[in-house]
Amino acid sequence: MKKHFLSIVSSVLVLSVALAGCGSPGSTDSAASTDSSSSSQGEKVIRLNLHSEPPTADPGLAEDTTSGAVVRATFDGLTRFDKDNKIVPSAAESYEVSDDKLTYTFKLRDAKWSNGDPVTAKDFEFAWKRALDPKTASNYAYQLYYIKNGEKFNKGEAKADDVGVKALDDKTLQVTLEHPTPYFLELTSFYTYYPVNQKVVEVDPKWANEAKTHVGNGPFKLESWEHKNKMVLVKNDNYWDKDTVKLDRIEFSMVEDENTELSMFENGELDWAGSPLSSLPVDAIPALQDQGRIISQPIAGTYFYNFNTEQVPFNNAKIRKAFAYAIDRQAIIDNVTQLNQEPAMGFVPPSMSLASAPYFKDNDVETAKKLLAEGMKELGISKLPPITISFNTQDAHKKIAESIQDQWKKAFNIDVKLSNTEWKVYIEDLHQGKYQVGRNAWLGDFNDPSNFLDLFKEKTTGNNDTGWENEQYKKLLEQAMTDPEDKRKEDLAQAEKILMDEMPIAPIYFYTDSWVKSDKVKDVVIDGLGNVDYKWASVE
């Protein structure tokens, strides 16, 4: 997953879904009709907005949708989803799979880095071992645990040489897995599996922080990066499939205010507003819907709140459940988000659902009050401390938090405070446990419910910021790795039930991405996981 700063997760985040491109019917907007598609030199340019500064442009460290979009544009994995959302070889020309499904042998095509260096199998081996190296502190290292001894190396129990990835020669990469993984080719399209230029990384550890030192192997390259202001990508003439790339430039502004972003779109300064890199201002949604201008697409992602289970009172499961049950999700969808999202009565999205019935009722205040009283008794407290909801700066997050603040005040007669910070600070606070209740979201990284449930497998997992861990839950997820498919689904369903019984998170709704765009913009691909790819994009 990726964490999503907006309606996150938007995250990856990502999931089991029917993938669909974004060229949907109903794209009737013509407001951005000024010369958005070309500069005075006739360049094909698309102008977009990143809601916040990307925390990184390093595929080994990326963990959010903003960074992911930049990395996906500037790098290329062994495989890639094509414009029809089918997995195809990309940096790899071909591959073979052993009869036991444990060994993959990839043949790399002739390709170059943006600086002209040849892309080699050694770059992939180096990148994967670098992400797994505990010194790198990659929060996404666990996505590489499918590789033999990947987890052991990440936990200091094996050496780098023991990891099952090896460059047999410059053009041949051999990968050995811990167990058969049906979705492994999908995983190799995800950015944690991208290569990095070994020579560049070893010379300059901060290579990914600035445009002048950034080197990728993707459709675009980073031309400029004015931090917290603007980022420009240009077509990478060294890309192996450069003839497919139609855009000359992608210009990203970095405007946090959604109303300003929409105004820029209406004035012809942007070609796109809203998901997947930002969101539409909630107050503007009804009018945009009435005008038939909004394009929407359900994606496999879940918007939820983290509970910090290592702090009172959320170290008590009954109190966590009380706060989760007292949320009126339908009211939030009807009055705040207004985009027909589905209330989340579990964690795994509907497109890969494991449950035959909801795990709990929406807006169950009566049960919530009972659980709160029982939980407080177990903790030996007669009064709750002040509760603070933390979220990153964004209009929709603020309005959702205000709605839940009001609901909790009414349900429990308690003081609820709100705290917001910009995305880069916020995500670091989550990782360090500097919060009580924190907004979060997850978009799947691949099409399987394990990608959601593995998020909470261990308290030390890079993206588990709740402090929660359960041995039976962990055991079920480990069993699911090797059990036959029917038993595997049963394992995962039992694991989700434990998650909802313990409630380290409060699911709120399942995602729908919504945006407006200029009619001139064509073939921007947004898959069912919420990932965006500009490789095939064009402007008329």
Protein backbone atom coordinates (compact mmCIF):
# COMPACT_ATOMS: atom_id res chain seq x y z
CA MET A 1 0.00 0.00 0.00
CA LYS A 2 0.70 2.81 -0.30
CA LYS A 3 -0.41 5.36 2.09
CA HIS A 4 -2.65 7.94 0.54
CA PHE A 5 -2.49 11.51 1.67
CA LEU A 6 -5.88 12.44 0.30
CA SER A 7 -8.83 10.37 0.20
CA ILE A 8 -6.07 7.72 0.31
CA VAL A 9 -5.13 5.68 0.00
CA SER A 10 -6.19 7.05 -1.76
CA SER A 11 -2.86 4.04 -0.84
CA VAL A 12 -2.61 0.91 -3.12
CA LEU A 13 -3.01 1.68 -2.29
CA VAL A 14 -3.39 -1.96 -4.56
CA LEU A 15 -6.11 -4.68 -4.41
CA SER A 16 -8.29 -7.33 -5.88
CA VAL A 17 -10.19 -5.55 -8.53
CA ALA A 18 -11.50 -5.30 -12.00
CA LEU A 19 -8.94 -2.96 -13.49
CA ALA A 20 -10.23 -0.11 -15.61
CA GLY A 21 -8.65 2.75 -17.54
CA CYS A 22 -9.64 6.30 -16.82
CA GLY A 23 -10.97 7.31 -20.19
CA SER A 24 -14.50 7.00 -18.87
CA PRO A 25 -17.69 8.15 -20.56
CA GLY A 26 -18.99 11.43 -19.23
CA SER A 27 -15.71 13.28 -19.52
CA THR A 28 -17.47 16.36 -20.80
CA ASP A 29 -15.51 19.11 -19.12
CA SER A 30 -14.31 21.84 -21.40
CA ALA A 31 -13.48 24.52 -18.86
CA ALA A 32 -9.73 24.08 -19.20
CA SER A 33 -9.87 24.98 -22.84
CA THR A 34 -6.98 27.43 -23.00
CA ASP A 35 -3.73 26.28 -24.58
CA SER A 36 -3.23 23.46 -22.09
CA SER A 37 -1.97 20.87 -24.51
CA SER A 38 1.06 22.62 -25.90
CA SER A 39 3.55 25.33 -25.25
CA SER A 40 4.56 27.98 -27.74
CA GLN A 41 7.11 25.50 -29.08
CA GLY A 42 4.36 22.96 -29.75
CA GLU A 43 5.30 20.64 -26.89
CA LYS A 44 2.69 18.18 -25.65
CA VAL A 45 2.27 19.12 -21.99
CA ILE A 46 -0.10 18.02 -19.26
CA ARG A 47 -0.41 20.16 -16.13
CA LEU A 48 -1.39 18.49 -12.88
CA ASN A 49 -1.35 19.19 -9.16
CA LEU A 50 0.35 17.19 -6.44
CA HIS A 51 -1.54 17.94 -3.26
CA SER A 52 1.73 17.95 -1.34
CA GLU A 53 5.48 17.63 -1.71
CA PRO A 54 6.50 14.03 -2.56
CA PRO A 55 8.43 12.69 0.45
CA THR A 56 10.83 10.90 -1.93
CA ALA A 57 11.52 10.01 -5.55
CA ASP A 58 13.41 6.85 -4.53
CA PRO A 59 11.51 3.61 -5.36
CA GLY A 60 13.18 1.82 -2.46
CA LEU A 61 11.78 4.35 0.03
CA ALA A 62 8.47 5.37 -1.58
CA GLU A 63 5.39 4.42 0.42
CA ASP A 64 2.64 6.87 -0.55
CA THR A 65 0.57 7.68 -3.62
CA THR A 66 2.30 10.99 -4.34
CA SER A 67 5.80 9.52 -4.37
CA GLY A 68 4.45 6.45 -6.14
CA ALA A 69 3.08 8.48 -9.06
CA VAL A 70 6.42 10.22 -9.57
CA VAL A 71 8.39 7.00 -9.23
CA ARG A 72 6.06 5.12 -11.60
CA ALA A 73 6.63 7.81 -14.24
CA THR A 74 10.41 7.84 -13.87
CA PHE A 75 11.15 4.12 -13.41
CA ASP A 76 10.26 0.83 -15.07
CA GLY A 77 9.93 -2.56 -13.44
CA LEU A 78 10.46 -6.02 -14.87
CA THR A 79 6.75 -5.95 -15.68
CA ARG A 80 4.19 -3.18 -16.07
CA PHE A 81 0.43 -2.93 -16.42
CA ASP A 82 -0.26 -1.87 -20.00
CA LYS A 83 -2.97 0.61 -21.03
CA ASP A 84 -5.49 -2.25 -21.04
CA ASN A 85 -4.45 -3.14 -17.49
CA LYS A 86 -2.79 -6.42 -18.39
CA ILE A 87 0.57 -7.39 -16.92
CA VAL A 88 3.22 -7.46 -19.65
CA PRO A 89 7.03 -7.68 -19.69
CA SER A 90 8.59 -4.22 -19.55
CA ALA A 91 12.22 -3.83 -18.47
CA ALA A 92 12.27 -7.60 -18.89
CA GLU A 93 11.95 -8.85 -22.45
CA SER A 94 10.78 -12.32 -21.38
CA TYR A 95 10.70 -14.67 -18.41
CA GLU A 96 10.54 -18.36 -17.57
CA VAL A 97 8.98 -20.00 -14.51
CA SER A 98 10.15 -23.33 -13.09
CA ASP A 99 7.73 -26.24 -12.78
CA ASP A 100 7.59 -25.83 -9.00
CA LYS A 101 6.73 -22.10 -9.43
CA LEU A 102 9.61 -21.13 -7.18
CA THR A 103 12.19 -19.85 -9.66
CA TYR A 104 11.67 -17.01 -12.15
CA THR A 105 14.34 -16.26 -14.73
CA PHE A 106 14.00 -12.84 -16.39
CA LYS A 107 15.79 -11.83 -19.58
CA LEU A 108 16.30 -8.07 -19.68
CA ARG A 109 15.89 -6.10 -22.88
CA ASP A 110 18.50 -3.62 -24.05
CA ALA A 111 17.73 -0.47 -22.07
CA LYS A 112 19.48 2.58 -20.66
CA TRP A 113 19.21 4.72 -17.58
CA SER A 114 18.31 8.37 -18.10
CA ASN A 115 22.02 9.21 -17.77
CA GLY A 116 22.93 6.80 -20.58
CA ASP A 117 24.25 3.92 -18.44
CA PRO A 118 23.03 0.44 -19.43
CA VAL A 119 20.32 -1.09 -17.22
CA THR A 120 21.65 -4.43 -15.95
CA ALA A 121 20.37 -7.35 -13.95
CA LYS A 122 22.84 -6.32 -11.26
CA ASP A 123 20.88 -3.06 -10.83
CA PHE A 124 17.78 -5.08 -9.95
CA GLU A 125 19.68 -7.35 -7.58
CA PHE A 126 21.28 -4.33 -5.91
CA ALA A 127 17.96 -2.46 -5.62
CA TRP A 128 16.05 -5.33 -4.02
CA LYS A 129 18.80 -6.15 -1.54
CA ARG A 130 19.17 -2.44 -0.77
CA ALA A 131 15.45 -2.17 0.07
CA LEU A 132 15.71 -5.27 2.26
CA ASP A 133 18.86 -4.10 4.03
CA PRO A 134 17.81 -3.00 7.54
CA LYS A 135 20.23 -0.06 7.21
CA THR A 136 18.03 1.36 4.44
CA ALA A 137 15.01 1.40 6.78
CA SER A 138 12.53 0.92 3.95
CA ASN A 139 8.99 0.76 5.31
CA TYR A 140 8.07 -1.34 2.30
CA ALA A 141 10.81 -3.95 2.74
CA TYR A 142 8.21 -6.54 3.71
CA GLN A 143 6.86 -6.49 0.14
CA LEU A 144 10.08 -8.30 -0.79
CA TYR A 145 9.58 -11.06 1.77
CA TYR A 146 8.25 -13.30 -1.02
CA ILE A 147 11.87 -13.66 -2.13
CA LYS A 148 13.78 -16.49 -0.45
CA ASN A 149 15.50 -15.28 2.73
CA GLY A 150 14.27 -11.74 2.12
CA GLU A 151 12.59 -11.52 5.51
CA LYS A 152 15.54 -13.11 7.28
CA PHE A 153 17.98 -10.64 5.75
CA ASN A 154 15.71 -7.72 6.65
CA LYS A 155 15.61 -8.94 10.25
CA GLY A 156 19.35 -9.56 10.52
CA GLU A 157 19.03 -13.36 10.44
CA ALA A 158 20.69 -13.92 7.06
CA LYS A 159 23.25 -12.28 4.79
CA ALA A 160 22.63 -10.36 1.59
CA ASP A 161 24.19 -13.23 -0.37
CA ASP A 162 21.49 -15.56 0.98
CA VAL A 163 18.66 -13.56 -0.61
CA GLY A 164 17.10 -15.32 -3.60
CA VAL A 165 17.86 -12.76 -6.28
CA LYS A 166 20.97 -13.05 -8.41
CA ALA A 167 22.24 -11.48 -11.62
CA LEU A 168 23.54 -14.45 -13.66
CA ASP A 169 24.91 -11.99 -16.22
CA ASP A 170 24.14 -8.43 -17.36
CA LYS A 171 20.86 -9.48 -18.98
CA THR A 172 19.70 -12.42 -16.82
CA LEU A 173 18.08 -12.11 -13.38
CA GLN A 174 17.20 -15.23 -11.42
CA VAL A 175 14.70 -14.96 -8.56
CA THR A 176 13.93 -17.73 -6.08
CA LEU A 177 10.79 -17.43 -3.94
CA GLU A 178 9.99 -18.69 -0.45
CA HIS A 179 6.79 -20.29 -1.76
CA PRO A 180 4.72 -20.23 -4.97
CA THR A 181 3.21 -16.76 -5.38
CA PRO A 182 0.55 -16.57 -8.13
CA TYR A 183 0.67 -12.76 -8.19
CA PHE A 184 4.47 -12.45 -8.30
CA LEU A 185 4.51 -10.96 -11.82
CA GLU A 186 2.09 -8.34 -10.55
CA LEU A 187 4.45 -7.62 -7.67
CA THR A 188 7.35 -7.01 -10.04
CA SER A 189 5.38 -4.09 -11.52
CA PHE A 190 5.29 -2.40 -8.11
CA TYR A 191 7.83 0.28 -7.26
CA THR A 192 9.58 -1.53 -4.40
CA TYR A 193 10.68 -3.99 -7.11
CA TYR A 194 12.05 -1.29 -9.43
CA PRO A 195 15.79 -1.15 -10.12
CA VAL A 196 18.08 1.68 -9.10
CA ASN A 197 21.36 2.64 -10.75
CA GLN A 198 23.93 1.07 -8.45
CA LYS A 199 26.76 3.41 -9.44
CA VAL A 200 24.62 6.51 -8.88
CA VAL A 201 23.33 5.35 -5.49
CA GLU A 202 26.74 4.35 -4.19
CA VAL A 203 28.30 7.67 -5.19
CA ASP A 204 25.55 9.87 -3.72
CA PRO A 205 23.19 8.57 -0.99
CA LYS A 206 20.99 11.66 -1.57
CA TRP A 207 20.71 11.05 -5.31
CA ALA A 208 16.89 10.92 -5.26
CA ASN A 209 16.40 14.25 -3.47
CA GLU A 210 17.14 16.59 -6.38
CA ALA A 211 16.42 16.64 -10.10
CA LYS A 212 20.06 17.17 -11.09
CA THR A 213 21.16 13.91 -9.43
CA HIS A 214 18.02 11.79 -9.99
CA VAL A 215 18.44 8.91 -12.44
CA GLY A 216 15.63 6.59 -13.57
CA ASN A 217 14.85 4.10 -16.33
CA GLY A 218 11.22 5.03 -16.96
CA PRO A 219 9.15 6.85 -19.59
CA PHE A 220 10.00 10.26 -18.09
CA LYS A 221 12.91 11.83 -16.28
CA LEU A 222 13.02 14.46 -13.57
CA GLU A 223 13.97 17.81 -15.12
CA SER A 224 13.37 20.16 -12.18
CA TRP A 225 12.15 20.00 -8.60
CA GLU A 226 11.41 23.25 -6.80
CA HIS A 227 10.60 21.77 -3.42
CA LYS A 228 7.08 22.46 -2.15
CA ASN A 229 6.39 24.45 -5.30
CA LYS A 230 6.78 22.66 -8.63
CA MET A 231 8.12 19.50 -10.28
CA VAL A 232 8.64 18.97 -14.00
CA LEU A 233 9.09 15.64 -15.76
CA VAL A 234 10.17 15.41 -19.40
CA LYS A 235 10.15 12.55 -21.88
CA ASN A 236 13.12 10.23 -21.35
CA ASP A 237 14.76 9.77 -24.76
CA ASN A 238 16.78 6.86 -23.33
CA TYR A 239 13.64 4.89 -22.45
CA TRP A 240 13.44 1.59 -24.32
CA ASP A 241 9.81 2.24 -25.35
CA LYS A 242 10.14 5.96 -26.00
CA ASP A 243 8.10 5.81 -29.22
CA THR A 244 5.03 4.92 -27.15
CA VAL A 245 5.40 8.02 -24.95
CA LYS A 246 3.40 10.90 -26.46
CA LEU A 247 3.83 13.60 -23.81
CA ASP A 248 6.85 15.88 -23.87
CA ARG A 249 6.36 17.23 -20.37
CA ILE A 250 4.40 16.72 -17.16
CA GLU A 251 4.24 19.83 -15.01
CA PHE A 252 3.22 19.29 -11.39
CA SER A 253 2.25 22.20 -9.19
CA MET A 254 2.07 21.64 -5.42
CA VAL A 255 -1.04 23.40 -4.13
CA GLU A 256 -2.52 22.07 -0.89
CA ASP A 257 -5.85 23.89 -1.07
CA GLU A 258 -8.42 21.97 -3.15
CA ASN A 259 -10.47 25.11 -3.87
CA THR A 260 -7.41 26.81 -5.32
CA GLU A 261 -6.66 23.72 -7.39
CA LEU A 262 -10.20 23.63 -8.79
CA SER A 263 -10.02 27.36 -9.57
CA MET A 264 -6.76 26.79 -11.43
CA PHE A 265 -8.49 24.07 -13.43
CA GLU A 266 -11.48 26.29 -14.22
CA ASN A 267 -9.11 29.07 -15.31
CA GLY A 268 -7.23 26.77 -17.67
CA GLU A 269 -4.06 26.63 -15.56
CA LEU A 270 -4.46 22.89 -14.90
CA ASP A 271 -5.70 20.06 -17.12
CA TRP A 272 -6.94 17.89 -14.26
CA ALA A 273 -8.27 18.34 -10.72
CA GLY A 274 -9.06 15.75 -8.07
CA SER A 275 -8.07 12.10 -7.72
CA PRO A 276 -5.80 10.25 -7.75
CA LEU A 277 -3.16 12.84 -6.74
CA SER A 278 -5.46 15.28 -4.99
CA SER A 279 -9.16 15.58 -4.28
CA LEU A 280 -12.10 17.76 -5.21
CA PRO A 281 -13.30 20.29 -2.62
CA VAL A 282 -16.30 18.73 -0.92
CA ASP A 283 -18.38 21.90 -1.17
CA ALA A 284 -17.99 21.91 -4.97
CA ILE A 285 -19.01 18.29 -5.51
CA PRO A 286 -22.82 18.74 -5.69
CA ALA A 287 -22.59 21.40 -8.42
CA LEU A 288 -20.00 19.42 -10.40
CA GLN A 289 -22.22 16.34 -10.17
CA ASP A 290 -25.28 18.29 -11.32
CA GLN A 291 -23.27 19.48 -14.31
CA GLY A 292 -22.24 15.91 -15.13
CA ARG A 293 -18.58 16.81 -15.03
CA ILE A 294 -17.25 14.40 -12.40
CA ILE A 295 -15.64 11.16 -13.54
CA SER A 296 -15.70 8.46 -10.84
CA GLN A 297 -14.17 5.04 -10.52
CA PRO A 298 -14.38 2.65 -7.56
CA ILE A 299 -10.94 1.48 -6.48
CA ALA A 300 -9.77 -1.16 -4.06
CA GLY A 301 -8.87 1.04 -1.14
CA THR A 302 -10.01 1.64 2.41
CA TYR A 303 -10.17 4.92 4.34
CA PHE A 304 -9.72 4.26 8.06
CA TYR A 305 -8.53 5.61 11.38
CA ASN A 306 -5.58 4.15 13.26
CA PHE A 307 -5.79 3.71 17.02
CA ASN A 308 -2.52 3.98 18.92
CA THR A 309 -2.86 0.75 20.88
CA GLU A 310 0.17 1.55 23.02
CA GLN A 311 -1.49 4.53 24.69
CA VAL A 312 -4.39 4.75 27.14
CA PRO A 313 -7.31 4.43 26.46
CA PHE A 314 -6.81 2.72 23.09
CA ASN A 315 -4.72 -0.03 24.63
CA ASN A 316 -8.12 -1.58 25.40
CA ALA A 317 -9.89 -3.48 22.58
CA LYS A 318 -13.40 -2.77 23.89
CA ILE A 319 -12.74 0.96 23.91
CA ARG A 320 -11.34 0.78 20.38
CA LYS A 321 -14.46 -1.05 19.26
CA ALA A 322 -16.67 1.45 21.05
CA PHE A 323 -15.14 4.35 19.15
CA ALA A 324 -15.33 2.44 15.84
CA TYR A 325 -18.96 1.41 16.34
CA ALA A 326 -20.05 4.96 17.22
CA ILE A 327 -19.06 6.32 13.79
CA ASP A 328 -21.96 7.07 11.44
CA ARG A 329 -20.31 6.22 8.14
CA GLN A 330 -23.36 6.70 5.96
CA ALA A 331 -23.84 10.21 7.30
CA ILE A 332 -20.20 11.01 6.42
CA ILE A 333 -20.70 9.68 2.90
CA ASP A 334 -24.04 11.49 2.42
CA ASN A 335 -22.98 14.82 3.90
CA VAL A 336 -19.20 15.08 3.54
CA THR A 337 -17.59 12.91 0.85
CA GLN A 338 -20.77 12.81 -1.32
CA LEU A 339 -19.33 10.44 -3.92
CA ASN A 340 -21.31 7.27 -3.21
CA GLN A 341 -18.55 5.49 -1.37
CA GLU A 342 -19.48 2.28 0.43
CA PRO A 343 -19.43 2.24 4.25
CA ALA A 344 -16.60 -0.01 5.45
CA MET A 345 -17.79 -2.67 7.90
CA GLY A 346 -14.52 -4.55 7.46
CA PHE A 347 -11.04 -3.78 6.20
CA VAL A 348 -10.73 -5.75 2.95
CA PRO A 349 -12.43 -3.94 0.01
CA PRO A 350 -15.53 -5.41 -1.70
CA SER A 351 -13.61 -6.35 -4.85
CA MET A 352 -11.72 -8.98 -2.84
CA SER A 353 -14.12 -9.43 0.04
CA LEU A 354 -13.62 -12.34 2.43
CA ALA A 355 -16.68 -11.84 4.66
CA SER A 356 -20.21 -13.05 3.91
CA ALA A 357 -21.69 -10.42 6.24
CA PRO A 358 -20.58 -7.13 7.88
CA TYR A 359 -18.46 -7.53 11.01
CA PHE A 360 -20.44 -4.83 12.84
CA LYS A 361 -23.28 -2.36 12.35
CA ASP A 362 -22.85 1.20 11.24
CA ASN A 363 -23.65 3.88 13.83
CA ASP A 364 -24.25 1.34 16.61
CA VAL A 365 -24.12 3.85 19.45
CA GLU A 366 -25.98 1.64 21.93
CA THR A 367 -23.41 -1.17 21.69
CA ALA A 368 -20.62 1.42 21.64
CA LYS A 369 -21.70 2.88 25.00
CA LYS A 370 -21.86 -0.59 26.54
CA LEU A 371 -18.38 -1.49 25.27
CA LEU A 372 -16.94 1.81 26.45
CA ALA A 373 -18.22 1.25 29.98
CA GLU A 374 -16.80 -2.28 30.04
CA GLY A 375 -13.45 -1.13 28.66
CA MET A 376 -13.11 1.70 31.16
CA LYS A 377 -13.84 -0.73 33.97
CA GLU A 378 -11.12 -3.08 32.68
CA LEU A 379 -8.66 -0.17 32.66
CA GLY A 380 -9.77 1.01 36.09
CA ILE A 381 -10.60 4.54 34.91
CA SER A 382 -13.75 6.55 35.57
CA LYS A 383 -13.14 9.25 32.98
CA LEU A 384 -11.58 9.23 29.53
CA PRO A 385 -8.61 11.52 28.85
CA PRO A 386 -9.06 14.15 26.11
CA ILE A 387 -9.10 12.44 22.71
CA THR A 388 -7.29 13.92 19.70
CA ILE A 389 -7.92 13.03 16.06
CA SER A 390 -4.85 13.72 13.90
CA PHE A 391 -4.94 14.14 10.13
CA ASN A 392 -2.88 15.62 7.33
CA THR A 393 -3.88 18.98 5.90
CA GLN A 394 -6.68 18.52 3.40
CA ASP A 395 -10.24 19.76 3.27
CA ALA A 396 -11.98 16.39 3.11
CA HIS A 397 -9.90 14.96 5.97
CA LYS A 398 -10.75 17.99 8.08
CA LYS A 399 -14.48 17.71 7.42
CA ILE A 400 -14.48 13.96 8.08
CA ALA A 401 -12.61 14.53 11.35
CA GLU A 402 -15.06 17.27 12.34
CA SER A 403 -17.97 14.94 11.65
CA ILE A 404 -16.48 12.12 13.74
CA GLN A 405 -15.52 14.61 16.44
CA ASP A 406 -19.19 15.61 16.69
CA GLN A 407 -20.40 11.99 16.62
CA TRP A 408 -18.04 10.94 19.44
CA LYS A 409 -18.94 13.97 21.53
CA LYS A 410 -22.63 13.15 21.23
CA ALA A 411 -22.19 9.42 21.81
CA PHE A 412 -19.83 9.59 24.78
CA ASN A 413 -20.11 13.16 26.10
CA ILE A 414 -16.34 13.61 25.84
CA ASP A 415 -13.88 16.25 24.70
CA VAL A 416 -12.47 15.52 21.22
CA LYS A 417 -9.71 17.70 19.76
CA LEU A 418 -8.43 17.95 16.19
CA SER A 419 -4.83 18.27 15.02
CA ASN A 420 -3.60 18.65 11.45
CA THR A 421 -0.12 18.81 9.92
CA GLU A 422 1.29 18.69 6.40
CA TRP A 423 1.73 15.23 4.87
CA LYS A 424 5.46 14.67 5.29
CA VAL A 425 5.33 15.61 8.98
CA TYR A 426 2.10 13.73 9.53
CA ILE A 427 3.31 10.42 8.13
CA GLU A 428 6.48 10.62 10.23
CA ASP A 429 4.38 11.26 13.35
CA LEU A 430 2.33 8.17 12.53
CA HIS A 431 5.46 6.05 12.17
CA GLN A 432 6.77 7.33 15.51
CA GLY A 433 3.48 6.77 17.35
CA LYS A 434 2.98 10.48 18.06
CA TYR A 435 -0.81 10.36 17.89
CA GLN A 436 -3.91 8.89 19.56
CA VAL A 437 -6.29 8.47 16.62
CA GLY A 438 -4.83 9.06 13.16
CA ARG A 439 -6.32 9.24 9.70
CA ASN A 440 -4.99 6.65 7.30
CA ALA A 441 -5.86 4.81 4.14
CA TRP A 442 -4.60 1.92 2.10
CA LEU A 443 -4.66 1.24 -1.61
CA GLY A 444 -3.58 -2.24 -2.52
CA ASP A 445 -0.28 -2.91 -4.20
CA PHE A 446 -1.49 -6.09 -5.86
CA ASN A 447 -4.74 -7.92 -6.41
CA ASP A 448 -5.03 -10.00 -3.25
CA PRO A 449 -6.55 -9.50 0.24
CA SER A 450 -3.27 -10.52 1.84
CA ASN A 451 -1.89 -7.14 0.80
CA PHE A 452 -4.35 -5.49 3.19
CA LEU A 453 -4.13 -7.96 6.03
CA ASP A 454 -0.33 -8.25 5.97
CA LEU A 455 -0.23 -4.57 6.89
CA PHE A 456 -0.86 -5.54 10.53
CA LYS A 457 1.03 -8.83 10.62
CA GLU A 458 3.68 -7.49 12.99
CA LYS A 459 3.90 -4.33 15.05
CA THR A 460 7.30 -3.68 13.50
CA THR A 461 6.00 -3.89 9.92
CA GLY A 462 6.93 -0.62 8.23
CA ASN A 463 3.36 0.53 7.57
CA ASN A 464 1.75 -0.75 10.78
CA ASP A 465 1.56 2.37 12.93
CA THR A 466 -0.95 1.02 15.46
CA GLY A 467 1.45 -0.85 17.74
CA TRP A 468 -0.92 -3.84 17.54
CA GLU A 469 0.17 -7.43 17.06
CA ASN A 470 -1.64 -10.76 17.50
CA GLU A 471 0.05 -14.15 17.37
CA GLN A 472 -2.98 -16.05 16.03
CA TYR A 473 -3.48 -13.41 13.36
CA LYS A 474 0.17 -13.74 12.34
CA LYS A 475 -0.08 -17.54 12.28
CA LEU A 476 -3.11 -17.46 9.97
CA LEU A 477 -1.36 -15.14 7.53
CA GLU A 478 1.69 -17.39 7.49
CA GLN A 479 -0.49 -20.45 6.86
CA ALA A 480 -2.19 -18.63 4.01
CA MET A 481 1.14 -18.38 2.20
CA THR A 482 1.32 -22.14 1.61
CA ASP A 483 -2.24 -23.48 2.03
CA PRO A 484 -4.35 -24.55 -0.99
CA GLU A 485 -6.62 -21.79 -2.34
CA ASP A 486 -9.82 -22.81 -0.50
CA LYS A 487 -8.03 -23.16 2.82
CA ARG A 488 -6.10 -19.99 2.10
CA LYS A 489 -9.29 -17.94 1.79
CA GLU A 490 -10.51 -19.44 5.06
CA ASP A 491 -7.23 -18.46 6.75
CA LEU A 492 -7.51 -14.89 5.48
CA ALA A 493 -11.17 -14.61 6.48
CA GLN A 494 -10.35 -15.74 10.01
CA ALA A 495 -7.51 -13.24 10.14
CA GLU A 496 -9.79 -10.36 9.14
CA LYS A 497 -12.26 -11.45 11.83
CA ILE A 498 -9.50 -11.21 14.46
CA LEU A 499 -8.58 -7.76 13.13
CA MET A 500 -12.18 -6.60 13.50
CA ASP A 501 -12.53 -8.22 16.94
CA GLU A 502 -9.40 -6.45 18.17
CA MET A 503 -10.11 -3.27 16.15
CA PRO A 504 -6.67 -1.57 16.06
CA ILE A 505 -8.22 0.42 13.22
CA ALA A 506 -11.68 1.86 12.53
CA PRO A 507 -12.64 1.30 8.88
CA ILE A 508 -14.73 4.20 7.54
CA TYR A 509 -15.37 3.78 3.81
CA PHE A 510 -14.16 2.07 0.67
CA TYR A 511 -12.69 4.33 -1.97
CA THR A 512 -14.04 5.94 -5.07
CA ASP A 513 -11.65 8.09 -7.08
CA SER A 514 -13.30 11.17 -8.62
CA TRP A 515 -11.93 13.93 -10.79
CA VAL A 516 -12.59 16.47 -13.53
CA LYS A 517 -10.36 16.83 -16.55
CA SER A 518 -9.98 18.67 -19.81
CA ASP A 519 -11.39 16.86 -22.84
CA LYS A 520 -7.97 17.32 -24.44
CA VAL A 521 -6.38 14.84 -22.03
CA LYS A 522 -6.52 11.24 -23.22
CA ASP A 523 -5.32 7.82 -22.07
CA VAL A 524 -4.19 8.57 -18.53
CA VAL A 525 -4.42 5.08 -17.05
CA ILE A 526 -5.84 4.67 -13.54
CA ASP A 527 -6.13 1.03 -12.60
CA GLY A 528 -8.48 -0.57 -10.11
CA LEU A 529 -5.85 -0.23 -7.42
CA GLY A 530 -5.78 3.53 -7.83
CA ASN A 531 -2.34 3.60 -9.48
CA VAL A 532 -1.87 6.26 -12.15
CA ASP A 533 0.40 5.85 -15.17
CA TYR A 534 1.17 8.59 -17.70
CA LYS A 535 3.18 6.41 -20.11
CA TRP A 536 0.33 6.32 -22.66
CA ALA A 537 -1.17 9.74 -21.91
CA SER A 538 -1.65 12.31 -24.63
CA VAL A 539 -3.19 15.74 -25.18
CA GLU A 540 -4.99 16.93 -28.28
